[in-house]
Amino acid sequence: MKLIDLTQEIYPGMPVFDGHPEVTMQPAVTHEQRAGEKNPTTVSMR
Protein backbone atom coordinates (compact mmCIF):
# COMPACT_ATOMS: atom_id res chain seq x y z
CA MET A 1 0.00 0.00 0.00
CA LYS A 2 1.34 3.44 -0.94
CA LEU A 3 0.85 6.26 1.58
CA ILE A 4 0.52 9.85 0.43
CA ASP A 5 1.13 12.64 2.94
CA LEU A 6 -1.61 15.28 2.53
CA THR A 7 -0.76 17.32 5.63
CA GLN A 8 -0.39 21.08 5.39
CA GLU A 9 1.84 23.35 7.41
CA ILE A 10 -0.07 25.53 9.88
CA TYR A 11 1.37 29.02 10.36
CA PRO A 12 0.21 32.51 11.38
CA GLY A 13 -1.27 34.41 8.46
CA MET A 14 -1.88 31.30 6.35
CA PRO A 15 -4.77 31.46 3.88
CA VAL A 16 -8.19 30.58 5.31
CA PHE A 17 -11.69 30.27 3.87
CA ASP A 18 -13.83 33.43 3.79
CA GLY A 19 -15.52 33.99 7.15
CA HIS A 20 -13.01 31.85 9.09
CA PRO A 21 -10.78 33.45 11.73
CA GLU A 22 -7.14 34.24 11.00
CA VAL A 23 -4.64 31.64 12.24
CA THR A 24 -2.73 32.84 15.30
CA MET A 25 -0.35 30.96 17.60
CA GLN A 26 1.02 31.63 21.04
CA PRO A 27 2.54 29.48 23.78
CA ALA A 28 -0.03 27.88 26.08
CA VAL A 29 2.47 27.79 28.93
CA THR A 30 6.10 28.86 29.32
CA HIS A 31 8.96 27.00 30.97
CA GLU A 32 8.92 29.62 33.74
CA GLN A 33 5.20 29.04 34.40
CA ARG A 34 5.82 25.28 34.69
CA ALA A 35 8.85 25.65 36.95
CA GLY A 36 8.79 23.00 39.64
CA GLU A 37 6.12 20.81 38.02
CA LYS A 38 7.56 17.36 37.45
CA ASN A 39 4.62 15.83 35.55
CA PRO A 40 1.90 18.36 34.67
CA THR A 41 -1.40 16.76 33.73
CA THR A 42 -3.21 19.77 32.28
CA VAL A 43 -2.38 22.97 30.43
CA SER A 44 -4.79 25.88 30.56
CA MET A 45 -5.52 28.04 27.54
CA ARG A 46 -5.98 31.75 28.20
PDB file of N, CA and C in Angstrom:
ATOM      1  N   MET A   1       0.849  -1.169   0.000  1.00  0.00           N
ATOM      2  CA  MET A   1       0.000   0.000   0.000  1.00  0.00           C
ATOM      3  C   MET A   1       0.896   1.234   0.000  1.00  0.00           C
ATOM      4  N   LYS A   2       0.588   2.192  -0.866  1.00  0.00           N
ATOM      5  CA  LYS A   2       1.339   3.437  -0.942  1.00  0.00           C
ATOM      6  C   LYS A   2       0.637   4.499  -0.108  1.00  0.00           C
ATOM      7  N   LEU A   3       1.396   5.179   0.763  1.00  0.00           N
ATOM      8  CA  LEU A   3       0.854   6.260   1.584  1.00  0.00           C
ATOM      9  C   LEU A   3       1.228   7.595   0.963  1.00  0.00           C
ATOM     10  N   ILE A   4       0.285   8.508   0.953  1.00  0.00           N
ATOM     11  CA  ILE A   4       0.519   9.850   0.429  1.00  0.00           C
ATOM     12  C   ILE A   4       0.251  10.842   1.551  1.00  0.00           C
ATOM     13  N   ASP A   5       1.240  11.650   1.866  1.00  0.00           N
ATOM     14  CA  ASP A   5       1.128  12.639   2.939  1.00  0.00           C
ATOM     15  C   ASP A   5       0.393  13.869   2.415  1.00  0.00           C
ATOM     16  N   LEU A   6      -0.806  14.136   2.948  1.00  0.00           N
ATOM     17  CA  LEU A   6      -1.607  15.283   2.526  1.00  0.00           C
ATOM     18  C   LEU A   6      -1.642  16.396   3.573  1.00  0.00           C
ATOM     19  N   THR A   7      -0.755  16.305   4.580  1.00  0.00           N
ATOM     20  CA  THR A   7      -0.757  17.316   5.634  1.00  0.00           C
ATOM     21  C   THR A   7      -0.308  18.670   5.095  1.00  0.00           C
ATOM     22  N   GLN A   8      -0.775  19.720   5.746  1.00  0.00           N
ATOM     23  CA  GLN A   8      -0.387  21.078   5.386  1.00  0.00           C
ATOM     24  C   GLN A   8       0.242  21.744   6.590  1.00  0.00           C
ATOM     25  N   GLU A   9       1.223  22.592   6.341  1.00  0.00           N
ATOM     26  CA  GLU A   9       1.840  23.352   7.411  1.00  0.00           C
ATOM     27  C   GLU A   9       0.840  24.380   7.937  1.00  0.00           C
ATOM     28  N   ILE A  10       0.791  24.527   9.252  1.00  0.00           N
ATOM     29  CA  ILE A  10      -0.073  25.532   9.880  1.00  0.00           C
ATOM     30  C   ILE A  10       0.829  26.654  10.365  1.00  0.00           C
ATOM     31  N   TYR A  11       0.525  27.892   9.975  1.00  0.00           N
ATOM     32  CA  TYR A  11       1.365  29.024  10.360  1.00  0.00           C
ATOM     33  C   TYR A  11       0.517  30.286  10.436  1.00  0.00           C
ATOM     34  N   PRO A  12       0.949  31.250  11.264  1.00  0.00           N
ATOM     35  CA  PRO A  12       0.212  32.505  11.381  1.00  0.00           C
ATOM     36  C   PRO A  12       0.106  33.198  10.024  1.00  0.00           C
ATOM     37  N   GLY A  13      -1.070  33.691   9.706  1.00  0.00           N
ATOM     38  CA  GLY A  13      -1.274  34.408   8.457  1.00  0.00           C
ATOM     39  C   GLY A  13      -1.515  33.515   7.257  1.00  0.00           C
ATOM     40  N   MET A  14      -1.630  32.202   7.481  1.00  0.00           N
ATOM     41  CA  MET A  14      -1.875  31.303   6.346  1.00  0.00           C
ATOM     42  C   MET A  14      -3.250  31.580   5.748  1.00  0.00           C
ATOM     43  N   PRO A  15      -3.459  31.236   4.498  1.00  0.00           N
ATOM     44  CA  PRO A  15      -4.770  31.465   3.875  1.00  0.00           C
ATOM     45  C   PRO A  15      -5.869  30.652   4.571  1.00  0.00           C
ATOM     46  N   VAL A  16      -7.033  31.262   4.726  1.00  0.00           N
ATOM     47  CA  VAL A  16      -8.185  30.578   5.313  1.00  0.00           C
ATOM     48  C   VAL A  16      -9.412  30.859   4.440  1.00  0.00           C
ATOM     49  N   PHE A  17     -10.450  30.050   4.622  1.00  0.00           N
ATOM     50  CA  PHE A  17     -11.688  30.270   3.874  1.00  0.00           C
ATOM     51  C   PHE A  17     -12.356  31.560   4.334  1.00  0.00           C
ATOM     52  N   ASP A  18     -13.100  32.213   3.448  1.00  0.00           N
ATOM     53  CA  ASP A  18     -13.834  33.427   3.794  1.00  0.00           C
ATOM     54  C   ASP A  18     -14.710  33.171   5.022  1.00  0.00           C
ATOM     55  N   GLY A  19     -14.691  34.098   5.949  1.00  0.00           N
ATOM     56  CA  GLY A  19     -15.518  33.986   7.146  1.00  0.00           C
ATOM     57  C   GLY A  19     -14.851  33.228   8.279  1.00  0.00           C
ATOM     58  N   HIS A  20     -13.711  32.570   8.032  1.00  0.00           N
ATOM     59  CA  HIS A  20     -13.011  31.849   9.095  1.00  0.00           C
ATOM     60  C   HIS A  20     -12.002  32.781   9.758  1.00  0.00           C
ATOM     61  N   PRO A  21     -11.718  32.564  11.045  1.00  0.00           N
ATOM     62  CA  PRO A  21     -10.779  33.452  11.729  1.00  0.00           C
ATOM     63  C   PRO A  21      -9.349  33.253  11.232  1.00  0.00           C
ATOM     64  N   GLU A  22      -8.556  34.295  11.354  1.00  0.00           N
ATOM     65  CA  GLU A  22      -7.141  34.235  10.996  1.00  0.00           C
ATOM     66  C   GLU A  22      -6.417  33.264  11.930  1.00  0.00           C
ATOM     67  N   VAL A  23      -5.426  32.573  11.427  1.00  0.00           N
ATOM     68  CA  VAL A  23      -4.644  31.641  12.239  1.00  0.00           C
ATOM     69  C   VAL A  23      -3.657  32.439  13.080  1.00  0.00           C
ATOM     70  N   THR A  24      -3.682  32.222  14.389  1.00  0.00           N
ATOM     71  CA  THR A  24      -2.726  32.836  15.303  1.00  0.00           C
ATOM     72  C   THR A  24      -2.180  31.753  16.221  1.00  0.00           C
ATOM     73  N   MET A  25      -0.971  31.929  16.688  1.00  0.00           N
ATOM     74  CA  MET A  25      -0.353  30.956  17.603  1.00  0.00           C
ATOM     75  C   MET A  25       0.351  31.698  18.718  1.00  0.00           C
ATOM     76  N   GLN A  26       0.290  31.111  19.898  1.00  0.00           N
ATOM     77  CA  GLN A  26       1.016  31.631  21.045  1.00  0.00           C
ATOM     78  C   GLN A  26       1.246  30.482  22.007  1.00  0.00           C
ATOM     79  N   PRO A  27       2.285  30.562  22.829  1.00  0.00           N
ATOM     80  CA  PRO A  27       2.542  29.476  23.778  1.00  0.00           C
ATOM     81  C   PRO A  27       1.389  29.341  24.772  1.00  0.00           C
ATOM     82  N   ALA A  28       1.017  28.119  25.077  1.00  0.00           N
ATOM     83  CA  ALA A  28      -0.026  27.877  26.076  1.00  0.00           C
ATOM     84  C   ALA A  28       0.545  28.031  27.477  1.00  0.00           C
ATOM     85  N   VAL A  29       1.801  27.686  27.642  1.00  0.00           N
ATOM     86  CA  VAL A  29       2.470  27.785  28.933  1.00  0.00           C
ATOM     87  C   VAL A  29       3.970  27.914  28.665  1.00  0.00           C
ATOM     88  N   THR A  30       4.666  28.688  29.502  1.00  0.00           N
ATOM     89  CA  THR A  30       6.103  28.861  29.325  1.00  0.00           C
ATOM     90  C   THR A  30       6.860  27.952  30.286  1.00  0.00           C
ATOM     91  N   HIS A  31       8.137  27.800  30.062  1.00  0.00           N
ATOM     92  CA  HIS A  31       8.964  27.003  30.973  1.00  0.00           C
ATOM     93  C   HIS A  31       8.943  27.623  32.374  1.00  0.00           C
ATOM     94  N   GLU A  32       8.943  28.953  32.438  1.00  0.00           N
ATOM     95  CA  GLU A  32       8.920  29.621  33.739  1.00  0.00           C
ATOM     96  C   GLU A  32       7.608  29.345  34.480  1.00  0.00           C
ATOM     97  N   GLN A  33       6.488  29.309  33.763  1.00  0.00           N
ATOM     98  CA  GLN A  33       5.202  29.038  34.399  1.00  0.00           C
ATOM     99  C   GLN A  33       5.121  27.605  34.915  1.00  0.00           C
ATOM    100  N   ARG A  34       5.841  26.694  34.283  1.00  0.00           N
ATOM    101  CA  ARG A  34       5.825  25.283  34.686  1.00  0.00           C
ATOM    102  C   ARG A  34       6.917  24.943  35.671  1.00  0.00           C
ATOM    103  N   ALA A  35       7.711  25.905  36.062  1.00  0.00           N
ATOM    104  CA  ALA A  35       8.846  25.650  36.953  1.00  0.00           C
ATOM    105  C   ALA A  35       8.401  24.879  38.188  1.00  0.00           C
ATOM    106  N   GLY A  36       9.088  23.802  38.462  1.00  0.00           N
ATOM    107  CA  GLY A  36       8.793  23.000  39.643  1.00  0.00           C
ATOM    108  C   GLY A  36       7.804  21.880  39.401  1.00  0.00           C
ATOM    109  N   GLU A  37       7.062  21.891  38.302  1.00  0.00           N
ATOM    110  CA  GLU A  37       6.122  20.809  38.020  1.00  0.00           C
ATOM    111  C   GLU A  37       6.869  19.658  37.360  1.00  0.00           C
ATOM    112  N   LYS A  38       6.834  18.492  37.988  1.00  0.00           N
ATOM    113  CA  LYS A  38       7.556  17.360  37.449  1.00  0.00           C
ATOM    114  C   LYS A  38       6.761  16.638  36.354  1.00  0.00           C
ATOM    115  N   ASN A  39       5.442  16.539  36.515  1.00  0.00           N
ATOM    116  CA  ASN A  39       4.617  15.830  35.548  1.00  0.00           C
ATOM    117  C   ASN A  39       3.258  16.523  35.459  1.00  0.00           C
ATOM    118  N   PRO A  40       3.190  17.662  34.752  1.00  0.00           N
ATOM    119  CA  PRO A  40       1.901  18.362  34.667  1.00  0.00           C
ATOM    120  C   PRO A  40       0.872  17.536  33.914  1.00  0.00           C
ATOM    121  N   THR A  41      -0.362  17.564  34.383  1.00  0.00           N
ATOM    122  CA  THR A  41      -1.397  16.756  33.734  1.00  0.00           C
ATOM    123  C   THR A  41      -2.327  17.601  32.875  1.00  0.00           C
ATOM    124  N   THR A  42      -2.339  18.912  33.105  1.00  0.00           N
ATOM    125  CA  THR A  42      -3.210  19.772  32.283  1.00  0.00           C
ATOM    126  C   THR A  42      -2.487  21.057  31.934  1.00  0.00           C
ATOM    127  N   VAL A  43      -2.890  21.660  30.851  1.00  0.00           N
ATOM    128  CA  VAL A  43      -2.378  22.969  30.429  1.00  0.00           C
ATOM    129  C   VAL A  43      -3.599  23.835  30.179  1.00  0.00           C
ATOM    130  N   SER A  44      -3.630  25.007  30.774  1.00  0.00           N
ATOM    131  CA  SER A  44      -4.789  25.876  30.563  1.00  0.00           C
ATOM    132  C   SER A  44      -4.531  26.804  29.401  1.00  0.00           C
ATOM    133  N   MET A  45      -5.595  27.101  28.658  1.00  0.00           N
ATOM    134  CA  MET A  45      -5.522  28.035  27.537  1.00  0.00           C
ATOM    135  C   MET A  45      -6.134  29.342  28.005  1.00  0.00           C
ATOM    136  N   ARG A  46      -5.458  30.451  27.753  1.00  0.00           N
ATOM    137  CA  ARG A  46      -5.975  31.746  28.205  1.00  0.00           C
ATOM    138  C   ARG A  46      -6.614  32.479  27.098  1.00  0.00           C
TER     139      ARG A  46
END
